[in-house]
N, C-alpha and C. Protein backbone atom coordinates (compact mmCIF):
# COMPACT_ATOMS: atom_id res chain seq x y z
N MET A 1 -61.46 127.85 28.63
CA MET A 1 -61.33 128.93 27.69
C MET A 1 -59.99 128.81 26.98
N TYR A 2 -60.00 129.06 25.69
CA TYR A 2 -58.78 128.95 24.90
C TYR A 2 -58.35 130.32 24.42
N LEU A 3 -57.04 130.50 24.32
CA LEU A 3 -56.53 131.71 23.71
C LEU A 3 -56.67 131.58 22.20
N VAL A 4 -57.03 132.66 21.57
CA VAL A 4 -57.14 132.63 20.11
C VAL A 4 -55.74 132.84 19.55
N THR A 5 -55.24 131.82 18.90
CA THR A 5 -53.95 131.89 18.24
C THR A 5 -54.17 131.80 16.74
N LYS A 6 -53.14 132.10 16.00
CA LYS A 6 -53.23 132.01 14.55
C LYS A 6 -53.60 130.59 14.13
N GLU A 7 -52.99 129.60 14.78
CA GLU A 7 -53.25 128.20 14.43
C GLU A 7 -54.70 127.81 14.70
N ARG A 8 -55.24 128.26 15.86
CA ARG A 8 -56.63 127.95 16.20
C ARG A 8 -57.59 128.65 15.25
N ALA A 9 -57.31 129.91 14.94
CA ALA A 9 -58.19 130.65 14.01
C ALA A 9 -58.17 129.99 12.63
N LEU A 10 -57.00 129.55 12.21
CA LEU A 10 -56.87 128.86 10.93
C LEU A 10 -57.64 127.53 10.95
N ALA A 11 -57.53 126.79 12.03
CA ALA A 11 -58.26 125.52 12.15
C ALA A 11 -59.77 125.77 12.17
N GLN A 12 -60.22 126.84 12.82
CA GLN A 12 -61.65 127.17 12.81
C GLN A 12 -62.14 127.47 11.40
N ALA A 13 -61.34 128.21 10.64
CA ALA A 13 -61.71 128.51 9.25
C ALA A 13 -61.76 127.23 8.42
N ARG A 14 -60.80 126.34 8.65
CA ARG A 14 -60.79 125.07 7.91
C ARG A 14 -61.98 124.19 8.30
N ALA A 15 -62.32 124.17 9.57
CA ALA A 15 -63.46 123.35 10.02
C ALA A 15 -64.75 123.84 9.37
N LEU A 16 -64.97 125.16 9.37
CA LEU A 16 -66.19 125.70 8.78
C LEU A 16 -66.22 125.49 7.27
N SER A 17 -65.13 125.85 6.59
CA SER A 17 -65.12 125.70 5.13
C SER A 17 -65.16 124.22 4.73
N GLY A 18 -64.51 123.36 5.51
CA GLY A 18 -64.56 121.92 5.24
C GLY A 18 -65.96 121.36 5.44
N ALA A 19 -66.64 121.79 6.50
CA ALA A 19 -68.02 121.34 6.75
C ALA A 19 -68.94 121.78 5.62
N LEU A 20 -68.78 123.03 5.17
CA LEU A 20 -69.62 123.53 4.08
C LEU A 20 -69.31 122.81 2.77
N ALA A 21 -68.04 122.46 2.54
CA ALA A 21 -67.67 121.72 1.33
C ALA A 21 -68.27 120.31 1.36
N LEU A 22 -68.24 119.65 2.51
CA LEU A 22 -68.88 118.34 2.63
C LEU A 22 -70.38 118.45 2.38
N ALA A 23 -70.98 119.51 2.92
CA ALA A 23 -72.43 119.72 2.73
C ALA A 23 -72.76 119.91 1.25
N GLU A 24 -71.95 120.70 0.57
CA GLU A 24 -72.19 120.93 -0.86
C GLU A 24 -72.03 119.63 -1.65
N ARG A 25 -70.97 118.88 -1.36
CA ARG A 25 -70.72 117.62 -2.07
C ARG A 25 -71.85 116.62 -1.82
N ALA A 26 -72.40 116.63 -0.60
CA ALA A 26 -73.49 115.71 -0.25
C ALA A 26 -74.84 116.17 -0.81
N GLY A 27 -74.91 117.42 -1.27
CA GLY A 27 -76.17 117.94 -1.80
C GLY A 27 -77.10 118.48 -0.73
N TRP A 28 -76.54 118.88 0.41
CA TRP A 28 -77.36 119.42 1.50
C TRP A 28 -77.64 120.89 1.27
N HIS A 29 -78.82 121.31 1.69
CA HIS A 29 -79.22 122.72 1.59
C HIS A 29 -79.68 123.18 2.96
N PHE A 30 -79.33 124.41 3.29
CA PHE A 30 -79.72 124.99 4.56
C PHE A 30 -80.94 125.87 4.33
N ASP A 31 -82.06 125.45 4.90
CA ASP A 31 -83.31 126.18 4.73
C ASP A 31 -83.52 127.08 5.94
N ARG A 32 -83.40 128.37 5.72
CA ARG A 32 -83.54 129.32 6.82
C ARG A 32 -84.99 129.44 7.31
N LYS A 33 -85.92 128.90 6.54
CA LYS A 33 -87.33 128.97 6.93
C LYS A 33 -87.76 127.78 7.78
N THR A 34 -86.82 126.91 8.08
CA THR A 34 -87.12 125.73 8.88
C THR A 34 -87.55 126.17 10.28
N PRO A 35 -88.57 125.55 10.84
CA PRO A 35 -89.05 125.97 12.15
C PRO A 35 -88.13 125.62 13.32
N LEU A 36 -87.06 124.88 13.10
CA LEU A 36 -86.18 124.49 14.20
C LEU A 36 -85.43 125.71 14.73
N MET A 37 -85.66 126.04 15.97
CA MET A 37 -84.96 127.14 16.63
C MET A 37 -84.25 126.56 17.84
N LEU A 38 -82.94 126.49 17.76
CA LEU A 38 -82.17 125.95 18.87
C LEU A 38 -81.68 127.09 19.76
N ARG A 39 -81.66 126.84 21.03
CA ARG A 39 -81.19 127.85 21.97
C ARG A 39 -79.68 127.71 22.16
N PRO A 40 -79.03 128.75 22.67
CA PRO A 40 -77.60 128.63 22.96
C PRO A 40 -77.38 127.48 23.95
N PRO A 41 -76.33 126.74 23.86
CA PRO A 41 -75.16 126.90 23.01
C PRO A 41 -75.26 126.22 21.66
N PHE A 42 -76.47 125.80 21.25
CA PHE A 42 -76.65 125.06 20.01
C PHE A 42 -77.05 125.94 18.83
N SER A 43 -77.29 127.21 19.07
CA SER A 43 -77.88 128.06 18.04
C SER A 43 -76.95 128.31 16.85
N ASN A 44 -75.66 128.06 17.01
CA ASN A 44 -74.74 128.26 15.88
C ASN A 44 -74.56 127.00 15.03
N TYR A 45 -75.25 125.91 15.37
CA TYR A 45 -75.18 124.69 14.57
C TYR A 45 -75.95 124.90 13.28
N LEU A 46 -75.47 124.31 12.20
CA LEU A 46 -76.15 124.39 10.91
C LEU A 46 -77.16 123.25 10.83
N HIS A 47 -78.38 123.55 10.44
CA HIS A 47 -79.43 122.53 10.40
C HIS A 47 -79.74 122.19 8.95
N VAL A 48 -79.65 120.91 8.62
CA VAL A 48 -80.00 120.39 7.30
C VAL A 48 -81.31 119.63 7.48
N ALA A 49 -82.42 120.32 7.21
CA ALA A 49 -83.75 119.77 7.51
C ALA A 49 -84.02 118.47 6.74
N ALA A 50 -83.71 118.43 5.45
CA ALA A 50 -84.02 117.25 4.63
C ALA A 50 -83.27 116.01 5.11
N SER A 51 -82.12 116.22 5.72
CA SER A 51 -81.31 115.10 6.21
C SER A 51 -81.48 114.88 7.71
N GLU A 52 -82.31 115.70 8.34
CA GLU A 52 -82.49 115.63 9.80
C GLU A 52 -81.13 115.57 10.48
N LEU A 53 -80.33 116.63 10.24
CA LEU A 53 -78.93 116.64 10.64
C LEU A 53 -78.53 118.00 11.18
N LEU A 54 -77.72 117.98 12.24
CA LEU A 54 -77.04 119.16 12.72
C LEU A 54 -75.59 119.06 12.25
N LEU A 55 -75.11 120.07 11.55
CA LEU A 55 -73.73 120.11 11.07
C LEU A 55 -72.97 121.05 11.99
N VAL A 56 -71.91 120.53 12.63
CA VAL A 56 -71.22 121.27 13.68
C VAL A 56 -69.72 121.35 13.38
N PRO A 57 -69.25 122.48 12.82
CA PRO A 57 -67.80 122.66 12.66
C PRO A 57 -67.19 122.96 14.02
N SER A 58 -66.03 122.36 14.32
CA SER A 58 -65.45 122.52 15.65
C SER A 58 -63.96 122.21 15.63
N ILE A 59 -63.26 122.75 16.63
CA ILE A 59 -61.87 122.34 16.85
C ILE A 59 -61.66 122.00 18.33
N GLU A 60 -62.73 121.98 19.10
CA GLU A 60 -62.63 121.73 20.54
C GLU A 60 -62.28 120.27 20.81
N PRO A 61 -61.75 119.99 22.00
CA PRO A 61 -61.45 118.59 22.35
C PRO A 61 -62.71 117.73 22.25
N SER A 62 -62.57 116.56 21.73
CA SER A 62 -63.70 115.72 21.36
C SER A 62 -64.73 115.47 22.45
N ARG A 63 -64.37 114.91 23.55
CA ARG A 63 -65.37 114.43 24.52
C ARG A 63 -66.19 115.57 25.11
N GLY A 64 -65.56 116.68 25.50
CA GLY A 64 -66.32 117.80 26.05
C GLY A 64 -67.24 118.42 25.03
N ASP A 65 -66.75 118.57 23.83
CA ASP A 65 -67.53 119.14 22.74
C ASP A 65 -68.70 118.23 22.40
N LEU A 66 -68.46 116.95 22.35
CA LEU A 66 -69.51 116.01 21.97
C LEU A 66 -70.61 115.91 23.02
N ALA A 67 -70.29 116.17 24.27
CA ALA A 67 -71.32 116.17 25.31
C ALA A 67 -72.33 117.29 25.04
N ILE A 68 -71.84 118.44 24.61
CA ILE A 68 -72.72 119.56 24.28
C ILE A 68 -73.53 119.24 23.03
N VAL A 69 -72.87 118.71 22.01
CA VAL A 69 -73.57 118.34 20.77
C VAL A 69 -74.64 117.29 21.07
N ASN A 70 -74.31 116.37 21.95
CA ASN A 70 -75.25 115.32 22.34
C ASN A 70 -76.55 115.93 22.90
N ARG A 71 -76.41 116.95 23.73
CA ARG A 71 -77.59 117.63 24.27
C ARG A 71 -78.37 118.33 23.16
N GLY A 72 -77.66 118.94 22.21
CA GLY A 72 -78.32 119.58 21.07
C GLY A 72 -79.09 118.58 20.22
N MET A 73 -78.52 117.40 20.04
CA MET A 73 -79.20 116.34 19.28
C MET A 73 -80.49 115.92 19.97
N ARG A 74 -80.44 115.80 21.30
CA ARG A 74 -81.63 115.40 22.05
C ARG A 74 -82.72 116.46 21.88
N GLU A 75 -82.32 117.73 21.94
CA GLU A 75 -83.28 118.82 21.81
C GLU A 75 -83.88 118.86 20.40
N ALA A 76 -83.04 118.71 19.39
CA ALA A 76 -83.50 118.82 17.99
C ALA A 76 -84.05 117.51 17.43
N ARG A 77 -83.76 116.40 18.09
CA ARG A 77 -84.12 115.07 17.59
C ARG A 77 -83.57 114.85 16.18
N CYS A 78 -82.29 115.17 16.05
CA CYS A 78 -81.58 115.06 14.77
C CYS A 78 -80.28 114.29 14.97
N ASP A 79 -79.77 113.75 13.87
CA ASP A 79 -78.41 113.24 13.85
C ASP A 79 -77.47 114.43 13.87
N ALA A 80 -76.18 114.17 14.10
CA ALA A 80 -75.19 115.25 14.08
C ALA A 80 -73.92 114.78 13.38
N LEU A 81 -73.31 115.71 12.67
CA LEU A 81 -72.00 115.48 12.06
C LEU A 81 -71.09 116.58 12.59
N VAL A 82 -70.13 116.19 13.43
CA VAL A 82 -69.16 117.12 13.99
C VAL A 82 -67.92 117.05 13.11
N VAL A 83 -67.55 118.17 12.53
CA VAL A 83 -66.41 118.25 11.61
C VAL A 83 -65.30 119.00 12.31
N LYS A 84 -64.20 118.32 12.55
CA LYS A 84 -63.07 118.92 13.26
C LYS A 84 -61.88 119.05 12.33
N ALA A 85 -61.22 120.19 12.42
CA ALA A 85 -60.01 120.42 11.63
C ALA A 85 -58.80 120.29 12.54
N SER A 86 -57.73 119.74 12.02
CA SER A 86 -56.51 119.62 12.80
C SER A 86 -55.95 121.00 13.10
N THR A 87 -55.36 121.16 14.28
CA THR A 87 -54.75 122.44 14.65
C THR A 87 -53.24 122.43 14.45
N ALA A 88 -52.68 121.26 14.14
CA ALA A 88 -51.24 121.16 13.92
C ALA A 88 -50.98 120.12 12.84
N GLY A 89 -49.83 120.25 12.20
CA GLY A 89 -49.47 119.27 11.18
C GLY A 89 -50.24 119.47 9.88
N LYS A 90 -50.34 118.38 9.13
CA LYS A 90 -51.03 118.41 7.84
C LYS A 90 -52.50 118.78 8.04
N PRO A 91 -53.02 119.73 7.24
CA PRO A 91 -54.44 120.09 7.36
C PRO A 91 -55.33 118.89 7.02
N MET A 92 -56.16 118.51 7.98
CA MET A 92 -57.04 117.35 7.80
C MET A 92 -58.36 117.60 8.51
N LEU A 93 -59.36 116.88 8.07
CA LEU A 93 -60.65 116.87 8.76
C LEU A 93 -60.85 115.50 9.38
N TYR A 94 -61.37 115.51 10.58
CA TYR A 94 -61.83 114.30 11.24
C TYR A 94 -63.28 114.53 11.64
N CYS A 95 -64.08 113.51 11.57
CA CYS A 95 -65.50 113.66 11.84
C CYS A 95 -65.96 112.67 12.91
N ALA A 96 -66.96 113.11 13.64
CA ALA A 96 -67.69 112.24 14.55
C ALA A 96 -69.15 112.30 14.12
N VAL A 97 -69.79 111.16 14.07
CA VAL A 97 -71.18 111.09 13.64
C VAL A 97 -72.03 110.60 14.81
N GLY A 98 -73.02 111.40 15.15
CA GLY A 98 -73.97 111.01 16.18
C GLY A 98 -75.30 110.68 15.54
N ARG A 99 -75.83 109.51 15.85
CA ARG A 99 -77.14 109.11 15.31
C ARG A 99 -78.16 109.15 16.43
N TRP A 100 -79.19 109.96 16.22
CA TRP A 100 -80.23 110.13 17.23
C TRP A 100 -81.06 108.87 17.35
N ARG A 101 -81.27 108.44 18.57
CA ARG A 101 -82.15 107.32 18.86
C ARG A 101 -83.04 107.74 20.03
N ARG A 102 -84.18 107.14 20.12
CA ARG A 102 -85.16 107.51 21.15
C ARG A 102 -84.55 107.42 22.56
N GLN A 103 -83.82 106.36 22.84
CA GLN A 103 -83.27 106.15 24.19
C GLN A 103 -81.97 106.93 24.41
N GLN A 104 -81.07 106.85 23.44
CA GLN A 104 -79.79 107.56 23.57
C GLN A 104 -79.15 107.66 22.19
N ASN A 105 -78.28 108.64 22.06
CA ASN A 105 -77.58 108.84 20.79
C ASN A 105 -76.44 107.84 20.67
N LEU A 106 -76.19 107.40 19.45
CA LEU A 106 -75.08 106.48 19.17
C LEU A 106 -74.01 107.25 18.41
N TRP A 107 -72.76 107.13 18.86
CA TRP A 107 -71.67 107.88 18.25
C TRP A 107 -70.69 106.95 17.52
N CYS A 108 -70.15 107.48 16.46
CA CYS A 108 -69.11 106.83 15.68
C CYS A 108 -68.00 107.88 15.51
N HIS A 109 -66.82 107.61 16.04
CA HIS A 109 -65.74 108.60 16.08
C HIS A 109 -64.65 108.29 15.06
N GLU A 110 -63.73 109.23 14.93
CA GLU A 110 -62.50 109.07 14.14
C GLU A 110 -62.76 108.65 12.71
N ARG A 111 -63.57 109.40 12.01
CA ARG A 111 -63.85 109.13 10.60
C ARG A 111 -63.25 110.26 9.76
N ARG A 112 -62.68 109.87 8.63
CA ARG A 112 -62.12 110.84 7.70
C ARG A 112 -62.92 110.82 6.41
N PRO A 113 -62.99 111.98 5.74
CA PRO A 113 -63.64 112.00 4.42
C PRO A 113 -62.88 111.10 3.45
N TRP A 114 -63.63 110.38 2.64
CA TRP A 114 -63.09 109.45 1.65
C TRP A 114 -63.95 109.59 0.40
N LEU A 115 -63.33 109.88 -0.74
CA LEU A 115 -64.07 110.09 -2.00
C LEU A 115 -63.91 108.90 -2.93
N THR A 116 -65.05 108.48 -3.51
CA THR A 116 -64.99 107.44 -4.54
C THR A 116 -64.50 108.08 -5.84
N GLU A 117 -64.22 107.25 -6.81
CA GLU A 117 -63.82 107.76 -8.13
C GLU A 117 -64.94 108.55 -8.78
N HIS A 118 -66.18 108.31 -8.35
CA HIS A 118 -67.34 108.99 -8.93
C HIS A 118 -67.78 110.20 -8.11
N GLY A 119 -67.02 110.54 -7.06
CA GLY A 119 -67.30 111.73 -6.28
C GLY A 119 -68.22 111.56 -5.09
N GLN A 120 -68.62 110.31 -4.79
CA GLN A 120 -69.42 110.10 -3.57
C GLN A 120 -68.53 110.30 -2.36
N ILE A 121 -69.09 110.94 -1.34
CA ILE A 121 -68.31 111.18 -0.13
C ILE A 121 -68.76 110.24 0.99
N TRP A 122 -67.80 109.55 1.54
CA TRP A 122 -68.01 108.65 2.66
C TRP A 122 -67.18 109.15 3.83
N LEU A 123 -67.57 108.76 5.03
CA LEU A 123 -66.75 108.95 6.22
C LEU A 123 -66.33 107.55 6.66
N VAL A 124 -65.03 107.31 6.69
CA VAL A 124 -64.52 105.97 7.00
C VAL A 124 -63.40 106.06 8.03
N ALA A 125 -63.18 104.94 8.70
CA ALA A 125 -62.08 104.85 9.66
C ALA A 125 -60.77 104.76 8.89
N GLU A 126 -59.82 105.55 9.32
CA GLU A 126 -58.51 105.53 8.66
C GLU A 126 -57.67 104.34 9.13
N HIS A 127 -57.88 103.94 10.37
CA HIS A 127 -57.06 102.89 10.97
C HIS A 127 -57.93 101.74 11.46
N ALA A 128 -57.36 100.55 11.46
CA ALA A 128 -58.08 99.36 11.91
C ALA A 128 -58.37 99.41 13.41
N TRP A 129 -57.59 100.18 14.17
CA TRP A 129 -57.79 100.23 15.63
C TRP A 129 -58.82 101.29 16.04
N ALA A 130 -59.42 101.96 15.09
CA ALA A 130 -60.46 102.95 15.41
C ALA A 130 -61.69 102.25 15.98
N GLU A 131 -62.47 103.00 16.72
CA GLU A 131 -63.73 102.47 17.25
C GLU A 131 -64.64 102.10 16.08
N ASP A 132 -65.18 100.89 16.08
CA ASP A 132 -66.03 100.40 14.99
C ASP A 132 -65.39 100.63 13.62
N PRO A 133 -64.22 100.04 13.35
CA PRO A 133 -63.50 100.35 12.11
C PRO A 133 -64.26 100.00 10.84
N GLY A 134 -65.19 99.06 10.91
CA GLY A 134 -65.92 98.67 9.71
C GLY A 134 -67.11 99.55 9.39
N THR A 135 -67.53 100.41 10.34
CA THR A 135 -68.70 101.25 10.11
C THR A 135 -68.32 102.45 9.27
N SER A 136 -69.01 102.62 8.15
CA SER A 136 -68.78 103.74 7.24
C SER A 136 -70.09 104.47 7.03
N ILE A 137 -70.01 105.76 6.76
CA ILE A 137 -71.21 106.58 6.59
C ILE A 137 -71.16 107.26 5.24
N LEU A 138 -72.21 107.06 4.45
CA LEU A 138 -72.33 107.72 3.15
C LEU A 138 -73.07 109.04 3.35
N LEU A 139 -72.48 110.13 2.87
CA LEU A 139 -73.13 111.43 2.94
C LEU A 139 -73.88 111.65 1.64
N GLY A 140 -75.19 111.77 1.73
CA GLY A 140 -76.03 111.99 0.56
C GLY A 140 -77.13 112.99 0.90
N SER A 141 -78.02 113.21 -0.04
CA SER A 141 -79.03 114.25 0.13
C SER A 141 -80.09 113.93 1.18
N LYS A 142 -80.21 112.69 1.58
CA LYS A 142 -81.18 112.29 2.61
C LYS A 142 -80.45 112.05 3.93
N ARG A 143 -81.06 111.30 4.82
CA ARG A 143 -80.43 111.00 6.11
C ARG A 143 -79.11 110.27 5.91
N LEU A 144 -78.24 110.36 6.91
CA LEU A 144 -76.97 109.66 6.85
C LEU A 144 -77.22 108.17 6.66
N GLN A 145 -76.47 107.58 5.75
CA GLN A 145 -76.61 106.15 5.47
C GLN A 145 -75.42 105.42 6.07
N VAL A 146 -75.70 104.59 7.04
CA VAL A 146 -74.64 103.85 7.72
C VAL A 146 -74.53 102.48 7.08
N ALA A 147 -73.31 102.14 6.70
CA ALA A 147 -73.03 100.82 6.13
C ALA A 147 -72.11 100.11 7.11
N SER A 148 -72.28 98.82 7.24
CA SER A 148 -71.40 98.09 8.15
C SER A 148 -69.96 98.18 7.67
N GLU A 149 -69.77 98.33 6.39
CA GLU A 149 -68.43 98.56 5.84
C GLU A 149 -68.53 98.89 4.36
N LEU A 150 -67.47 99.51 3.88
CA LEU A 150 -67.36 99.77 2.44
C LEU A 150 -67.20 98.44 1.72
N PRO A 151 -67.46 98.41 0.43
CA PRO A 151 -67.12 97.20 -0.32
C PRO A 151 -65.64 96.89 -0.10
N ARG A 152 -65.31 95.64 -0.08
CA ARG A 152 -63.92 95.24 0.18
C ARG A 152 -62.97 95.99 -0.76
N LEU A 153 -62.03 96.69 -0.15
CA LEU A 153 -61.07 97.46 -0.91
C LEU A 153 -59.66 97.08 -0.50
N TYR A 154 -58.77 97.15 -1.46
CA TYR A 154 -57.36 96.95 -1.17
C TYR A 154 -56.80 98.21 -0.53
N ALA A 155 -55.66 98.07 0.13
CA ALA A 155 -55.04 99.20 0.83
C ALA A 155 -54.78 100.37 -0.11
N HIS A 156 -54.33 100.08 -1.34
CA HIS A 156 -54.04 101.18 -2.27
C HIS A 156 -55.33 101.90 -2.69
N GLU A 157 -56.46 101.19 -2.74
CA GLU A 157 -57.74 101.83 -3.08
C GLU A 157 -58.22 102.72 -1.94
N MET A 158 -58.02 102.26 -0.70
CA MET A 158 -58.36 103.09 0.46
C MET A 158 -57.51 104.35 0.47
N ALA A 159 -56.21 104.18 0.24
CA ALA A 159 -55.31 105.34 0.23
C ALA A 159 -55.69 106.32 -0.88
N ALA A 160 -56.07 105.81 -2.04
CA ALA A 160 -56.46 106.68 -3.15
C ALA A 160 -57.71 107.49 -2.80
N GLY A 161 -58.66 106.89 -2.10
CA GLY A 161 -59.87 107.61 -1.68
C GLY A 161 -59.56 108.73 -0.71
N PHE A 162 -58.65 108.47 0.24
CA PHE A 162 -58.22 109.52 1.17
C PHE A 162 -57.49 110.63 0.43
N GLU A 163 -56.64 110.25 -0.54
CA GLU A 163 -55.92 111.25 -1.33
C GLU A 163 -56.88 112.12 -2.13
N ARG A 164 -57.91 111.53 -2.73
CA ARG A 164 -58.91 112.31 -3.47
C ARG A 164 -59.62 113.29 -2.54
N ALA A 165 -59.98 112.83 -1.35
CA ALA A 165 -60.65 113.71 -0.38
C ALA A 165 -59.72 114.83 0.07
N ASP A 166 -58.46 114.50 0.33
CA ASP A 166 -57.49 115.53 0.74
C ASP A 166 -57.28 116.56 -0.37
N ALA A 167 -57.22 116.10 -1.62
CA ALA A 167 -57.06 117.02 -2.75
C ALA A 167 -58.29 117.91 -2.90
N PHE A 168 -59.47 117.35 -2.73
CA PHE A 168 -60.71 118.12 -2.78
C PHE A 168 -60.70 119.23 -1.72
N LEU A 169 -60.33 118.88 -0.50
CA LEU A 169 -60.29 119.87 0.58
C LEU A 169 -59.18 120.89 0.36
N ALA A 170 -58.04 120.46 -0.18
CA ALA A 170 -56.95 121.40 -0.46
C ALA A 170 -57.39 122.46 -1.47
N GLN A 171 -58.20 122.06 -2.45
CA GLN A 171 -58.74 123.05 -3.40
C GLN A 171 -59.65 124.04 -2.70
N ILE A 172 -60.44 123.58 -1.76
CA ILE A 172 -61.34 124.45 -1.01
C ILE A 172 -60.54 125.41 -0.14
N TRP A 173 -59.54 124.88 0.55
CA TRP A 173 -58.79 125.68 1.49
C TRP A 173 -57.80 126.63 0.83
N GLY A 174 -57.30 126.28 -0.34
CA GLY A 174 -56.32 127.15 -0.99
C GLY A 174 -55.16 127.45 -0.06
N ASP A 175 -55.00 128.73 0.27
CA ASP A 175 -53.90 129.16 1.13
C ASP A 175 -54.23 129.13 2.61
N LEU A 176 -55.41 128.69 2.97
CA LEU A 176 -55.77 128.65 4.40
C LEU A 176 -54.81 127.78 5.17
C-alpha cells in the first residue's frame, strides 16, 4: 500500500492523461457497448475493442503491476499497453507492451513515445541497453504493429522524435 502524496497524485494524473492522449493520437475509440466485462482488479482498464487492447495507466512498480496486467490479458485475450508516468524528475511516460499469445504473453519493456514528423506515434527504446532495443511498436487504429526496428535513424533524428513526443505531452499536461 502506498501513501497518497502530491507527487504520486500528480503522476497518476499524468499517466491517465498521457494514456488518453496516446489513444487519441493513435485513433483509438472506447466503445462502452463492448461485451467485454472484466472483473476486479482489471475492471478499471480501458478497453479498445478495434485494437484488441487493454490500456492501463499506472505508476506502480513494474514487475508487480505487470503480473496483474498479465492476468487481465489472459482473461480478456487482448494485448496490453501499460502507460507509466514518472513520479520524480522530468515528467515522462514509459510504456510496457504485452502481446497476447495462446501459450503466454510476450512483454516488451522500457519504451518511450516517439513522434515522426508526420505525427505517427511509435513506442521505441530510448537506450541501446534496453530489453529488445530494436523492437518498436507503431500505435495505430488497428492492433499494435510490432516492427523489428524503426528505419535506420541518426542519433539526432531519434532525439528529435523524443523531443516532439515530449512537447506533445507537455501541451496535454500543461501545469500538471
